[in-house]
mmCIF file of all heavy atoms, coordinates in Angstrom:
data_MODEL
# 
_entry.id   MODEL 
# 
loop_
_atom_site.group_PDB 
_atom_site.id 
_atom_site.type_symbol 
_atom_site.label_atom_id 
_atom_site.label_alt_id 
_atom_site.label_comp_id 
_atom_site.label_asym_id 
_atom_site.label_entity_id 
_atom_site.label_seq_id 
_atom_site.pdbx_PDB_ins_code 
_atom_site.Cartn_x 
_atom_site.Cartn_y 
_atom_site.Cartn_z 
_atom_site.occupancy 
_atom_site.B_iso_or_equiv 
_atom_site.pdbx_formal_charge 
_atom_site.auth_seq_id 
_atom_site.auth_comp_id 
_atom_site.auth_asym_id 
_atom_site.auth_atom_id 
_atom_site.pdbx_PDB_model_num 
ATOM 1   N N   . THR A 1 1  ? 8.421  -25.592 16.853 1.00 0.00 ? 1  THR A N   1 
ATOM 2   C CA  . THR A 1 1  ? 7.189  -25.312 17.591 1.00 0.00 ? 1  THR A CA  1 
ATOM 3   C C   . THR A 1 1  ? 7.445  -24.051 18.426 1.00 0.00 ? 1  THR A C   1 
ATOM 4   O O   . THR A 1 1  ? 8.551  -23.506 18.423 1.00 0.00 ? 1  THR A O   1 
ATOM 5   C CB  . THR A 1 1  ? 6.785  -26.479 18.515 1.00 0.00 ? 1  THR A CB  1 
ATOM 6   O OG1 . THR A 1 1  ? 7.523  -26.409 19.744 1.00 0.00 ? 1  THR A OG1 1 
ATOM 7   C CG2 . THR A 1 1  ? 7.014  -27.834 17.849 1.00 0.00 ? 1  THR A CG2 1 
ATOM 8   N N   . SER A 1 2  ? 6.434  -23.609 19.155 1.00 0.00 ? 2  SER A N   1 
ATOM 9   C CA  . SER A 1 2  ? 6.613  -22.404 19.962 1.00 0.00 ? 2  SER A CA  1 
ATOM 10  C C   . SER A 1 2  ? 7.509  -22.641 21.169 1.00 0.00 ? 2  SER A C   1 
ATOM 11  O O   . SER A 1 2  ? 7.963  -21.682 21.806 1.00 0.00 ? 2  SER A O   1 
ATOM 12  C CB  . SER A 1 2  ? 5.247  -21.886 20.433 1.00 0.00 ? 2  SER A CB  1 
ATOM 13  O OG  . SER A 1 2  ? 4.582  -22.874 21.209 1.00 0.00 ? 2  SER A OG  1 
ATOM 14  N N   . THR A 1 3  ? 7.799  -23.909 21.479 1.00 0.00 ? 3  THR A N   1 
ATOM 15  C CA  . THR A 1 3  ? 8.613  -24.218 22.652 1.00 0.00 ? 3  THR A CA  1 
ATOM 16  C C   . THR A 1 3  ? 9.808  -25.119 22.359 1.00 0.00 ? 3  THR A C   1 
ATOM 17  O O   . THR A 1 3  ? 10.711 -25.230 23.199 1.00 0.00 ? 3  THR A O   1 
ATOM 18  C CB  . THR A 1 3  ? 7.771  -24.920 23.739 1.00 0.00 ? 3  THR A CB  1 
ATOM 19  O OG1 . THR A 1 3  ? 7.196  -26.114 23.181 1.00 0.00 ? 3  THR A OG1 1 
ATOM 20  C CG2 . THR A 1 3  ? 6.653  -24.001 24.235 1.00 0.00 ? 3  THR A CG2 1 
ATOM 21  N N   . GLU A 1 4  ? 9.837  -25.763 21.190 1.00 0.00 ? 4  GLU A N   1 
ATOM 22  C CA  . GLU A 1 4  ? 10.878 -26.742 20.910 1.00 0.00 ? 4  GLU A CA  1 
ATOM 23  C C   . GLU A 1 4  ? 11.437 -26.608 19.499 1.00 0.00 ? 4  GLU A C   1 
ATOM 24  O O   . GLU A 1 4  ? 10.761 -26.120 18.584 1.00 0.00 ? 4  GLU A O   1 
ATOM 25  C CB  . GLU A 1 4  ? 10.344 -28.171 21.078 1.00 0.00 ? 4  GLU A CB  1 
ATOM 26  C CG  . GLU A 1 4  ? 10.016 -28.547 22.507 1.00 0.00 ? 4  GLU A CG  1 
ATOM 27  C CD  . GLU A 1 4  ? 9.643  -30.017 22.626 1.00 0.00 ? 4  GLU A CD  1 
ATOM 28  O OE1 . GLU A 1 4  ? 8.906  -30.532 21.759 1.00 0.00 ? 4  GLU A OE1 1 
ATOM 29  O OE2 . GLU A 1 4  ? 10.102 -30.644 23.602 1.00 0.00 ? 4  GLU A OE2 1 
ATOM 30  N N   . VAL A 1 5  ? 12.666 -27.087 19.354 1.00 0.00 ? 5  VAL A N   1 
ATOM 31  C CA  . VAL A 1 5  ? 13.323 -27.228 18.051 1.00 0.00 ? 5  VAL A CA  1 
ATOM 32  C C   . VAL A 1 5  ? 13.676 -28.708 17.905 1.00 0.00 ? 5  VAL A C   1 
ATOM 33  O O   . VAL A 1 5  ? 14.516 -29.217 18.645 1.00 0.00 ? 5  VAL A O   1 
ATOM 34  C CB  . VAL A 1 5  ? 14.597 -26.366 17.961 1.00 0.00 ? 5  VAL A CB  1 
ATOM 35  C CG1 . VAL A 1 5  ? 15.285 -26.563 16.613 1.00 0.00 ? 5  VAL A CG1 1 
ATOM 36  C CG2 . VAL A 1 5  ? 14.272 -24.893 18.193 1.00 0.00 ? 5  VAL A CG2 1 
ATOM 37  N N   . LEU A 1 6  ? 13.003 -29.394 16.988 1.00 0.00 ? 6  LEU A N   1 
ATOM 38  C CA  . LEU A 1 6  ? 13.227 -30.823 16.785 1.00 0.00 ? 6  LEU A CA  1 
ATOM 39  C C   . LEU A 1 6  ? 14.156 -30.991 15.588 1.00 0.00 ? 6  LEU A C   1 
ATOM 40  O O   . LEU A 1 6  ? 13.777 -30.685 14.455 1.00 0.00 ? 6  LEU A O   1 
ATOM 41  C CB  . LEU A 1 6  ? 11.903 -31.556 16.561 1.00 0.00 ? 6  LEU A CB  1 
ATOM 42  C CG  . LEU A 1 6  ? 10.796 -31.276 17.587 1.00 0.00 ? 6  LEU A CG  1 
ATOM 43  C CD1 . LEU A 1 6  ? 9.562  -32.113 17.273 1.00 0.00 ? 6  LEU A CD1 1 
ATOM 44  C CD2 . LEU A 1 6  ? 11.278 -31.542 19.009 1.00 0.00 ? 6  LEU A CD2 1 
ATOM 45  N N   . VAL A 1 7  ? 15.378 -31.452 15.832 1.00 0.00 ? 7  VAL A N   1 
ATOM 46  C CA  . VAL A 1 7  ? 16.406 -31.563 14.799 1.00 0.00 ? 7  VAL A CA  1 
ATOM 47  C C   . VAL A 1 7  ? 16.478 -33.015 14.350 1.00 0.00 ? 7  VAL A C   1 
ATOM 48  O O   . VAL A 1 7  ? 16.767 -33.907 15.158 1.00 0.00 ? 7  VAL A O   1 
ATOM 49  C CB  . VAL A 1 7  ? 17.785 -31.116 15.335 1.00 0.00 ? 7  VAL A CB  1 
ATOM 50  C CG1 . VAL A 1 7  ? 18.809 -31.074 14.209 1.00 0.00 ? 7  VAL A CG1 1 
ATOM 51  C CG2 . VAL A 1 7  ? 17.681 -29.763 16.018 1.00 0.00 ? 7  VAL A CG2 1 
ATOM 52  N N   . MET A 1 8  ? 16.231 -33.251 13.058 1.00 0.00 ? 8  MET A N   1 
ATOM 53  C CA  . MET A 1 8  ? 16.170 -34.618 12.543 1.00 0.00 ? 8  MET A CA  1 
ATOM 54  C C   . MET A 1 8  ? 17.259 -34.860 11.508 1.00 0.00 ? 8  MET A C   1 
ATOM 55  O O   . MET A 1 8  ? 17.380 -34.110 10.538 1.00 0.00 ? 8  MET A O   1 
ATOM 56  C CB  . MET A 1 8  ? 14.803 -34.872 11.904 1.00 0.00 ? 8  MET A CB  1 
ATOM 57  C CG  . MET A 1 8  ? 13.632 -34.593 12.808 1.00 0.00 ? 8  MET A CG  1 
ATOM 58  S SD  . MET A 1 8  ? 12.071 -34.880 11.963 1.00 0.00 ? 8  MET A SD  1 
ATOM 59  C CE  . MET A 1 8  ? 10.971 -33.887 12.995 1.00 0.00 ? 8  MET A CE  1 
ATOM 60  N N   . GLU A 1 9  ? 18.030 -35.906 11.749 1.00 0.00 ? 9  GLU A N   1 
ATOM 61  C CA  . GLU A 1 9  ? 19.048 -36.335 10.801 1.00 0.00 ? 9  GLU A CA  1 
ATOM 62  C C   . GLU A 1 9  ? 18.574 -37.641 10.166 1.00 0.00 ? 9  GLU A C   1 
ATOM 63  O O   . GLU A 1 9  ? 18.361 -38.637 10.859 1.00 0.00 ? 9  GLU A O   1 
ATOM 64  C CB  . GLU A 1 9  ? 20.390 -36.519 11.502 1.00 0.00 ? 9  GLU A CB  1 
ATOM 65  C CG  . GLU A 1 9  ? 21.537 -36.809 10.579 1.00 0.00 ? 9  GLU A CG  1 
ATOM 66  C CD  . GLU A 1 9  ? 21.805 -35.712 9.562  1.00 0.00 ? 9  GLU A CD  1 
ATOM 67  O OE1 . GLU A 1 9  ? 21.433 -34.543 9.812  1.00 0.00 ? 9  GLU A OE1 1 
ATOM 68  O OE2 . GLU A 1 9  ? 22.402 -36.024 8.511  1.00 0.00 ? 9  GLU A OE2 1 
ATOM 69  N N   . PHE A 1 10 ? 18.386 -37.623 8.851  1.00 0.00 ? 10 PHE A N   1 
ATOM 70  C CA  . PHE A 1 10 ? 17.852 -38.778 8.127  1.00 0.00 ? 10 PHE A CA  1 
ATOM 71  C C   . PHE A 1 10 ? 18.989 -39.645 7.606  1.00 0.00 ? 10 PHE A C   1 
ATOM 72  O O   . PHE A 1 10 ? 19.990 -39.142 7.095  1.00 0.00 ? 10 PHE A O   1 
ATOM 73  C CB  . PHE A 1 10 ? 16.990 -38.315 6.959  1.00 0.00 ? 10 PHE A CB  1 
ATOM 74  C CG  . PHE A 1 10 ? 15.590 -37.930 7.354  1.00 0.00 ? 10 PHE A CG  1 
ATOM 75  C CD1 . PHE A 1 10 ? 15.349 -36.820 8.154  1.00 0.00 ? 10 PHE A CD1 1 
ATOM 76  C CD2 . PHE A 1 10 ? 14.505 -38.681 6.923  1.00 0.00 ? 10 PHE A CD2 1 
ATOM 77  C CE1 . PHE A 1 10 ? 14.066 -36.466 8.527  1.00 0.00 ? 10 PHE A CE1 1 
ATOM 78  C CE2 . PHE A 1 10 ? 13.212 -38.337 7.287  1.00 0.00 ? 10 PHE A CE2 1 
ATOM 79  C CZ  . PHE A 1 10 ? 12.986 -37.235 8.088  1.00 0.00 ? 10 PHE A CZ  1 
ATOM 80  N N   . LYS A 1 11 ? 18.796 -40.970 7.712  1.00 0.00 ? 11 LYS A N   1 
ATOM 81  C CA  . LYS A 1 11 ? 19.786 -41.916 7.212  1.00 0.00 ? 11 LYS A CA  1 
ATOM 82  C C   . LYS A 1 11 ? 19.099 -43.057 6.471  1.00 0.00 ? 11 LYS A C   1 
ATOM 83  O O   . LYS A 1 11 ? 18.096 -43.598 6.935  1.00 0.00 ? 11 LYS A O   1 
ATOM 84  C CB  . LYS A 1 11 ? 20.621 -42.491 8.363  1.00 0.00 ? 11 LYS A CB  1 
ATOM 85  C CG  . LYS A 1 11 ? 21.458 -41.462 9.115  1.00 0.00 ? 11 LYS A CG  1 
ATOM 86  C CD  . LYS A 1 11 ? 22.506 -40.811 8.223  1.00 0.00 ? 11 LYS A CD  1 
ATOM 87  C CE  . LYS A 1 11 ? 23.312 -39.761 8.980  1.00 0.00 ? 11 LYS A CE  1 
ATOM 88  N NZ  . LYS A 1 11 ? 24.257 -39.041 8.084  1.00 0.00 ? 11 LYS A NZ  1 
ATOM 89  N N   . ASP A 1 12 ? 19.672 -43.425 5.326  1.00 0.00 ? 12 ASP A N   1 
ATOM 90  C CA  . ASP A 1 12 ? 19.239 -44.607 4.582  1.00 0.00 ? 12 ASP A CA  1 
ATOM 91  C C   . ASP A 1 12 ? 20.141 -45.769 4.975  1.00 0.00 ? 12 ASP A C   1 
ATOM 92  O O   . ASP A 1 12 ? 20.918 -46.280 4.163  1.00 0.00 ? 12 ASP A O   1 
ATOM 93  C CB  . ASP A 1 12 ? 19.337 -44.353 3.069  1.00 0.00 ? 12 ASP A CB  1 
ATOM 94  C CG  . ASP A 1 12 ? 18.417 -43.251 2.593  1.00 0.00 ? 12 ASP A CG  1 
ATOM 95  O OD1 . ASP A 1 12 ? 17.399 -42.987 3.257  1.00 0.00 ? 12 ASP A OD1 1 
ATOM 96  O OD2 . ASP A 1 12 ? 18.719 -42.648 1.549  1.00 0.00 ? 12 ASP A OD2 1 
ATOM 97  N N   . LYS A 1 13 ? 20.080 -46.172 6.221  1.00 0.00 ? 13 LYS A N   1 
ATOM 98  C CA  . LYS A 1 13 ? 20.973 -47.201 6.743  1.00 0.00 ? 13 LYS A CA  1 
ATOM 99  C C   . LYS A 1 13 ? 20.191 -48.196 7.583  1.00 0.00 ? 13 LYS A C   1 
ATOM 100 O O   . LYS A 1 13 ? 19.071 -47.907 8.036  1.00 0.00 ? 13 LYS A O   1 
ATOM 101 C CB  . LYS A 1 13 ? 22.083 -46.561 7.599  1.00 0.00 ? 13 LYS A CB  1 
ATOM 102 C CG  . LYS A 1 13 ? 23.007 -45.627 6.846  1.00 0.00 ? 13 LYS A CG  1 
ATOM 103 C CD  . LYS A 1 13 ? 24.072 -45.032 7.744  1.00 0.00 ? 13 LYS A CD  1 
ATOM 104 C CE  . LYS A 1 13 ? 25.002 -44.098 6.982  1.00 0.00 ? 13 LYS A CE  1 
ATOM 105 N NZ  . LYS A 1 13 ? 26.026 -43.488 7.868  1.00 0.00 ? 13 LYS A NZ  1 
ATOM 106 N N   . ASN A 1 14 ? 20.808 -49.340 7.809  1.00 0.00 ? 14 ASN A N   1 
ATOM 107 C CA  . ASN A 1 14 ? 20.184 -50.385 8.618  1.00 0.00 ? 14 ASN A CA  1 
ATOM 108 C C   . ASN A 1 14 ? 20.834 -50.540 9.981  1.00 0.00 ? 14 ASN A C   1 
ATOM 109 O O   . ASN A 1 14 ? 20.467 -51.431 10.738 1.00 0.00 ? 14 ASN A O   1 
ATOM 110 C CB  . ASN A 1 14 ? 20.262 -51.732 7.879  1.00 0.00 ? 14 ASN A CB  1 
ATOM 111 C CG  . ASN A 1 14 ? 19.481 -51.709 6.581  1.00 0.00 ? 14 ASN A CG  1 
ATOM 112 O OD1 . ASN A 1 14 ? 18.345 -51.254 6.539  1.00 0.00 ? 14 ASN A OD1 1 
ATOM 113 N ND2 . ASN A 1 14 ? 20.096 -52.201 5.511  1.00 0.00 ? 14 ASN A ND2 1 
ATOM 114 N N   . GLU A 1 15 ? 21.793 -49.661 10.288 1.00 0.00 ? 15 GLU A N   1 
ATOM 115 C CA  . GLU A 1 15 ? 22.549 -49.801 11.528 1.00 0.00 ? 15 GLU A CA  1 
ATOM 116 C C   . GLU A 1 15 ? 22.834 -48.436 12.134 1.00 0.00 ? 15 GLU A C   1 
ATOM 117 O O   . GLU A 1 15 ? 23.093 -47.460 11.417 1.00 0.00 ? 15 GLU A O   1 
ATOM 118 C CB  . GLU A 1 15 ? 23.866 -50.527 11.255 1.00 0.00 ? 15 GLU A CB  1 
ATOM 119 C CG  . GLU A 1 15 ? 24.691 -50.832 12.492 1.00 0.00 ? 15 GLU A CG  1 
ATOM 120 C CD  . GLU A 1 15 ? 25.952 -51.613 12.169 1.00 0.00 ? 15 GLU A CD  1 
ATOM 121 O OE1 . GLU A 1 15 ? 26.186 -51.901 10.978 1.00 0.00 ? 15 GLU A OE1 1 
ATOM 122 O OE2 . GLU A 1 15 ? 26.704 -51.937 13.103 1.00 0.00 ? 15 GLU A OE2 1 
ATOM 123 N N   . ILE A 1 16 ? 22.763 -48.358 13.449 1.00 0.00 ? 16 ILE A N   1 
ATOM 124 C CA  . ILE A 1 16 ? 23.093 -47.132 14.170 1.00 0.00 ? 16 ILE A CA  1 
ATOM 125 C C   . ILE A 1 16 ? 24.609 -47.038 14.295 1.00 0.00 ? 16 ILE A C   1 
ATOM 126 O O   . ILE A 1 16 ? 25.250 -47.931 14.845 1.00 0.00 ? 16 ILE A O   1 
ATOM 127 C CB  . ILE A 1 16 ? 22.447 -47.134 15.570 1.00 0.00 ? 16 ILE A CB  1 
ATOM 128 C CG1 . ILE A 1 16 ? 20.920 -47.187 15.461 1.00 0.00 ? 16 ILE A CG1 1 
ATOM 129 C CG2 . ILE A 1 16 ? 22.881 -45.903 16.355 1.00 0.00 ? 16 ILE A CG2 1 
ATOM 130 C CD1 . ILE A 1 16 ? 20.220 -47.404 16.795 1.00 0.00 ? 16 ILE A CD1 1 
ATOM 131 N N   . LEU A 1 17 ? 25.166 -45.960 13.768 1.00 0.00 ? 17 LEU A N   1 
ATOM 132 C CA  . LEU A 1 17 ? 26.616 -45.761 13.803 1.00 0.00 ? 17 LEU A CA  1 
ATOM 133 C C   . LEU A 1 17 ? 26.955 -44.590 14.722 1.00 0.00 ? 17 LEU A C   1 
ATOM 134 O O   . LEU A 1 17 ? 26.250 -43.575 14.743 1.00 0.00 ? 17 LEU A O   1 
ATOM 135 C CB  . LEU A 1 17 ? 27.148 -45.487 12.399 1.00 0.00 ? 17 LEU A CB  1 
ATOM 136 C CG  . LEU A 1 17 ? 26.909 -46.582 11.359 1.00 0.00 ? 17 LEU A CG  1 
ATOM 137 C CD1 . LEU A 1 17 ? 27.471 -46.151 10.006 1.00 0.00 ? 17 LEU A CD1 1 
ATOM 138 C CD2 . LEU A 1 17 ? 27.535 -47.909 11.800 1.00 0.00 ? 17 LEU A CD2 1 
ATOM 139 N N   . ALA A 1 18 ? 28.068 -44.731 15.442 1.00 0.00 ? 18 ALA A N   1 
ATOM 140 C CA  . ALA A 1 18 ? 28.483 -43.691 16.385 1.00 0.00 ? 18 ALA A CA  1 
ATOM 141 C C   . ALA A 1 18 ? 28.690 -42.351 15.685 1.00 0.00 ? 18 ALA A C   1 
ATOM 142 O O   . ALA A 1 18 ? 28.333 -41.297 16.220 1.00 0.00 ? 18 ALA A O   1 
ATOM 143 C CB  . ALA A 1 18 ? 29.756 -44.122 17.106 1.00 0.00 ? 18 ALA A CB  1 
ATOM 144 N N   . ALA A 1 19 ? 29.266 -42.376 14.482 1.00 0.00 ? 19 ALA A N   1 
ATOM 145 C CA  . ALA A 1 19 ? 29.535 -41.127 13.762 1.00 0.00 ? 19 ALA A CA  1 
ATOM 146 C C   . ALA A 1 19 ? 28.245 -40.381 13.445 1.00 0.00 ? 19 ALA A C   1 
ATOM 147 O O   . ALA A 1 19 ? 28.217 -39.141 13.457 1.00 0.00 ? 19 ALA A O   1 
ATOM 148 C CB  . ALA A 1 19 ? 30.299 -41.421 12.472 1.00 0.00 ? 19 ALA A CB  1 
ATOM 149 N N   . ASP A 1 20 ? 27.181 -41.111 13.163 1.00 0.00 ? 20 ASP A N   1 
ATOM 150 C CA  . ASP A 1 20 ? 25.895 -40.472 12.860 1.00 0.00 ? 20 ASP A CA  1 
ATOM 151 C C   . ASP A 1 20 ? 25.294 -39.842 14.117 1.00 0.00 ? 20 ASP A C   1 
ATOM 152 O O   . ASP A 1 20 ? 24.690 -38.764 14.048 1.00 0.00 ? 20 ASP A O   1 
ATOM 153 C CB  . ASP A 1 20 ? 24.923 -41.489 12.270 1.00 0.00 ? 20 ASP A CB  1 
ATOM 154 C CG  . ASP A 1 20 ? 25.391 -42.033 10.928 1.00 0.00 ? 20 ASP A CG  1 
ATOM 155 O OD1 . ASP A 1 20 ? 26.154 -41.323 10.242 1.00 0.00 ? 20 ASP A OD1 1 
ATOM 156 O OD2 . ASP A 1 20 ? 25.005 -43.159 10.580 1.00 0.00 ? 20 ASP A OD2 1 
ATOM 157 N N   . LEU A 1 21 ? 25.462 -40.498 15.244 1.00 0.00 ? 21 LEU A N   1 
ATOM 158 C CA  . LEU A 1 21 ? 24.974 -39.933 16.505 1.00 0.00 ? 21 LEU A CA  1 
ATOM 159 C C   . LEU A 1 21 ? 25.720 -38.648 16.843 1.00 0.00 ? 21 LEU A C   1 
ATOM 160 O O   . LEU A 1 21 ? 25.125 -37.670 17.302 1.00 0.00 ? 21 LEU A O   1 
ATOM 161 C CB  . LEU A 1 21 ? 25.130 -40.949 17.638 1.00 0.00 ? 21 LEU A CB  1 
ATOM 162 C CG  . LEU A 1 21 ? 24.412 -42.286 17.484 1.00 0.00 ? 21 LEU A CG  1 
ATOM 163 C CD1 . LEU A 1 21 ? 24.701 -43.175 18.689 1.00 0.00 ? 21 LEU A CD1 1 
ATOM 164 C CD2 . LEU A 1 21 ? 22.914 -42.079 17.313 1.00 0.00 ? 21 LEU A CD2 1 
ATOM 165 N N   . VAL A 1 22 ? 27.030 -38.659 16.610 1.00 0.00 ? 22 VAL A N   1 
ATOM 166 C CA  . VAL A 1 22 ? 27.840 -37.459 16.851 1.00 0.00 ? 22 VAL A CA  1 
ATOM 167 C C   . VAL A 1 22 ? 27.362 -36.317 15.951 1.00 0.00 ? 22 VAL A C   1 
ATOM 168 O O   . VAL A 1 22 ? 27.273 -35.154 16.391 1.00 0.00 ? 22 VAL A O   1 
ATOM 169 C CB  . VAL A 1 22 ? 29.335 -37.755 16.600 1.00 0.00 ? 22 VAL A CB  1 
ATOM 170 C CG1 . VAL A 1 22 ? 30.149 -36.465 16.598 1.00 0.00 ? 22 VAL A CG1 1 
ATOM 171 C CG2 . VAL A 1 22 ? 29.870 -38.706 17.663 1.00 0.00 ? 22 VAL A CG2 1 
ATOM 172 N N   . GLN A 1 23 ? 27.058 -36.629 14.708 1.00 0.00 ? 23 GLN A N   1 
ATOM 173 C CA  . GLN A 1 23 ? 26.575 -35.615 13.774 1.00 0.00 ? 23 GLN A CA  1 
ATOM 174 C C   . GLN A 1 23 ? 25.281 -34.980 14.277 1.00 0.00 ? 23 GLN A C   1 
ATOM 175 O O   . GLN A 1 23 ? 25.164 -33.748 14.347 1.00 0.00 ? 23 GLN A O   1 
ATOM 176 C CB  . GLN A 1 23 ? 26.346 -36.258 12.404 1.00 0.00 ? 23 GLN A CB  1 
ATOM 177 C CG  . GLN A 1 23 ? 25.879 -35.287 11.330 1.00 0.00 ? 23 GLN A CG  1 
ATOM 178 C CD  . GLN A 1 23 ? 25.612 -35.987 10.006 1.00 0.00 ? 23 GLN A CD  1 
ATOM 179 O OE1 . GLN A 1 23 ? 25.467 -37.219 9.954  1.00 0.00 ? 23 GLN A OE1 1 
ATOM 180 N NE2 . GLN A 1 23 ? 25.538 -35.221 8.945  1.00 0.00 ? 23 GLN A NE2 1 
ATOM 181 N N   . ALA A 1 24 ? 24.300 -35.793 14.645 1.00 0.00 ? 24 ALA A N   1 
ATOM 182 C CA  . ALA A 1 24 ? 23.003 -35.272 15.077 1.00 0.00 ? 24 ALA A CA  1 
ATOM 183 C C   . ALA A 1 24 ? 23.109 -34.497 16.384 1.00 0.00 ? 24 ALA A C   1 
ATOM 184 O O   . ALA A 1 24 ? 22.531 -33.413 16.525 1.00 0.00 ? 24 ALA A O   1 
ATOM 185 C CB  . ALA A 1 24 ? 22.008 -36.421 15.216 1.00 0.00 ? 24 ALA A CB  1 
ATOM 186 N N   . THR A 1 25 ? 23.847 -35.035 17.347 1.00 0.00 ? 25 THR A N   1 
ATOM 187 C CA  . THR A 1 25 ? 23.978 -34.331 18.624 1.00 0.00 ? 25 THR A CA  1 
ATOM 188 C C   . THR A 1 25 ? 24.803 -33.063 18.471 1.00 0.00 ? 25 THR A C   1 
ATOM 189 O O   . THR A 1 25 ? 24.602 -32.092 19.197 1.00 0.00 ? 25 THR A O   1 
ATOM 190 C CB  . THR A 1 25 ? 24.603 -35.244 19.696 1.00 0.00 ? 25 THR A CB  1 
ATOM 191 O OG1 . THR A 1 25 ? 25.858 -35.757 19.221 1.00 0.00 ? 25 THR A OG1 1 
ATOM 192 C CG2 . THR A 1 25 ? 23.682 -36.411 20.020 1.00 0.00 ? 25 THR A CG2 1 
ATOM 193 N N   . GLY A 1 26 ? 25.739 -33.060 17.502 1.00 0.00 ? 26 GLY A N   1 
ATOM 194 C CA  . GLY A 1 26 ? 26.517 -31.849 17.244 1.00 0.00 ? 26 GLY A CA  1 
ATOM 195 C C   . GLY A 1 26 ? 25.655 -30.715 16.727 1.00 0.00 ? 26 GLY A C   1 
ATOM 196 O O   . GLY A 1 26 ? 25.811 -29.556 17.134 1.00 0.00 ? 26 GLY A O   1 
ATOM 197 N N   . TYR A 1 27 ? 24.723 -31.032 15.829 1.00 0.00 ? 27 TYR A N   1 
ATOM 198 C CA  . TYR A 1 27 ? 23.804 -30.010 15.335 1.00 0.00 ? 27 TYR A CA  1 
ATOM 199 C C   . TYR A 1 27 ? 22.963 -29.454 16.484 1.00 0.00 ? 27 TYR A C   1 
ATOM 200 O O   . TYR A 1 27 ? 22.754 -28.236 16.598 1.00 0.00 ? 27 TYR A O   1 
ATOM 201 C CB  . TYR A 1 27 ? 22.873 -30.582 14.266 1.00 0.00 ? 27 TYR A CB  1 
ATOM 202 C CG  . TYR A 1 27 ? 23.557 -31.016 12.993 1.00 0.00 ? 27 TYR A CG  1 
ATOM 203 C CD1 . TYR A 1 27 ? 22.939 -31.927 12.132 1.00 0.00 ? 27 TYR A CD1 1 
ATOM 204 C CD2 . TYR A 1 27 ? 24.809 -30.538 12.635 1.00 0.00 ? 27 TYR A CD2 1 
ATOM 205 C CE1 . TYR A 1 27 ? 23.548 -32.329 10.953 1.00 0.00 ? 27 TYR A CE1 1 
ATOM 206 C CE2 . TYR A 1 27 ? 25.434 -30.930 11.467 1.00 0.00 ? 27 TYR A CE2 1 
ATOM 207 C CZ  . TYR A 1 27 ? 24.799 -31.834 10.623 1.00 0.00 ? 27 TYR A CZ  1 
ATOM 208 O OH  . TYR A 1 27 ? 25.398 -32.234 9.463  1.00 0.00 ? 27 TYR A OH  1 
# 
């Protein structure tokens, strides 16, 4: 958008994993 960058990491999973959070926040 003109003011934001929305970064989305898609997962085909049923559980929130720490490694996935690290990946998204790292980007």
